[in-house]
Protein backbone atom coordinates (compact mmCIF):
# COMPACT_ATOMS: atom_id res chain seq x y z
CA MET A 1 199.63 237.05 43.90
CA GLN A 2 197.95 240.28 46.10
CA ARG A 3 199.71 242.47 42.75
CA THR A 4 198.10 240.45 40.39
CA LEU A 5 194.61 241.19 41.38
CA ILE A 6 195.41 244.87 42.70
CA ILE A 7 196.50 245.23 38.76
CA ILE A 8 193.52 243.58 37.59
CA GLY A 9 191.25 245.56 39.90
CA ILE A 10 192.82 248.69 38.83
CA VAL A 11 192.40 247.97 34.86
CA ILE A 12 189.33 247.31 35.37
CA LEU A 13 188.58 250.31 36.90
CA LEU A 14 189.94 252.67 34.50
CA ALA A 15 187.87 250.67 31.69
CA GLY A 16 185.35 251.32 33.25
CA LEU A 17 185.79 255.20 33.69
CA LEU A 18 187.01 255.70 30.25
CA TRP A 19 184.26 253.72 28.90
CA PRO A 20 182.63 256.05 26.82
CA TRP A 21 185.71 256.68 24.46
CA LEU A 22 186.65 253.03 24.62
CA ILE A 23 183.32 252.34 22.59
CA LYS A 24 184.26 254.54 19.68
CA LEU A 25 187.19 253.10 19.17
CA PRO A 26 186.64 250.47 15.78
CA ILE A 27 188.04 247.25 17.66
CA GLY A 28 185.30 244.55 16.23
CA LYS A 29 185.20 246.65 12.90
CA LEU A 30 188.34 245.84 11.62
CA PRO A 31 189.13 245.32 8.31
CA GLY A 32 189.78 240.70 8.66
CA ASP A 33 186.65 240.20 11.91
CA ILE A 34 184.40 238.00 9.00
CA ILE A 35 180.52 239.17 9.66
CA ILE A 36 177.57 237.16 7.63
CA ASP A 37 174.89 238.50 8.11
CA LYS A 38 171.77 236.13 6.74
CA PRO A 39 167.47 235.98 7.39
CA ASN A 40 167.96 234.41 11.14
CA PHE A 41 171.59 233.70 11.42
CA LYS A 42 174.55 236.22 11.96
CA LEU A 43 178.22 234.86 12.75
CA TYR A 44 180.77 237.32 14.04
CA ILE A 45 184.16 235.73 14.18
CA PRO A 46 186.38 239.03 14.83
CA ILE A 47 189.67 237.34 13.45
CA THR A 48 192.01 240.57 13.27
CA THR A 49 190.34 242.22 16.95
CA MET A 50 191.75 238.93 17.96
CA VAL A 51 195.07 238.64 16.75
CA ILE A 52 195.85 242.55 17.81
CA ILE A 53 194.07 242.37 21.62
CA SER A 54 197.00 239.11 22.16
CA LEU A 55 200.04 240.73 21.18
CA LEU A 56 198.17 243.91 23.29
CA LEU A 57 198.09 240.82 25.66
CA THR A 58 201.45 239.56 25.47
CA LEU A 59 203.22 243.40 25.87
CA ILE A 60 202.07 243.94 28.60
CA PHE A 61 202.37 240.54 30.86
CA TRP A 62 206.57 240.10 29.11
CA LEU A 63 206.81 244.36 30.61
CA PHE A 64 205.01 243.18 33.92
CA LYS A 65 207.55 240.26 33.88
CA LYS A 66 210.94 242.21 33.35
């Protein structure tokens, strides 16, 4: 449990330090993300973004498990 908390803390720290560069990535604006923008209504469903993040997290957890 301690190791997991330390790794999570390091990831959060790195994300905070790299935030100026991470915000410039096109995550959330990929082809396949659904955006419906009408007056008084906005719907955003990031399907492609969710799939990519899921694959990356699966790979990371798989590597740490070994």
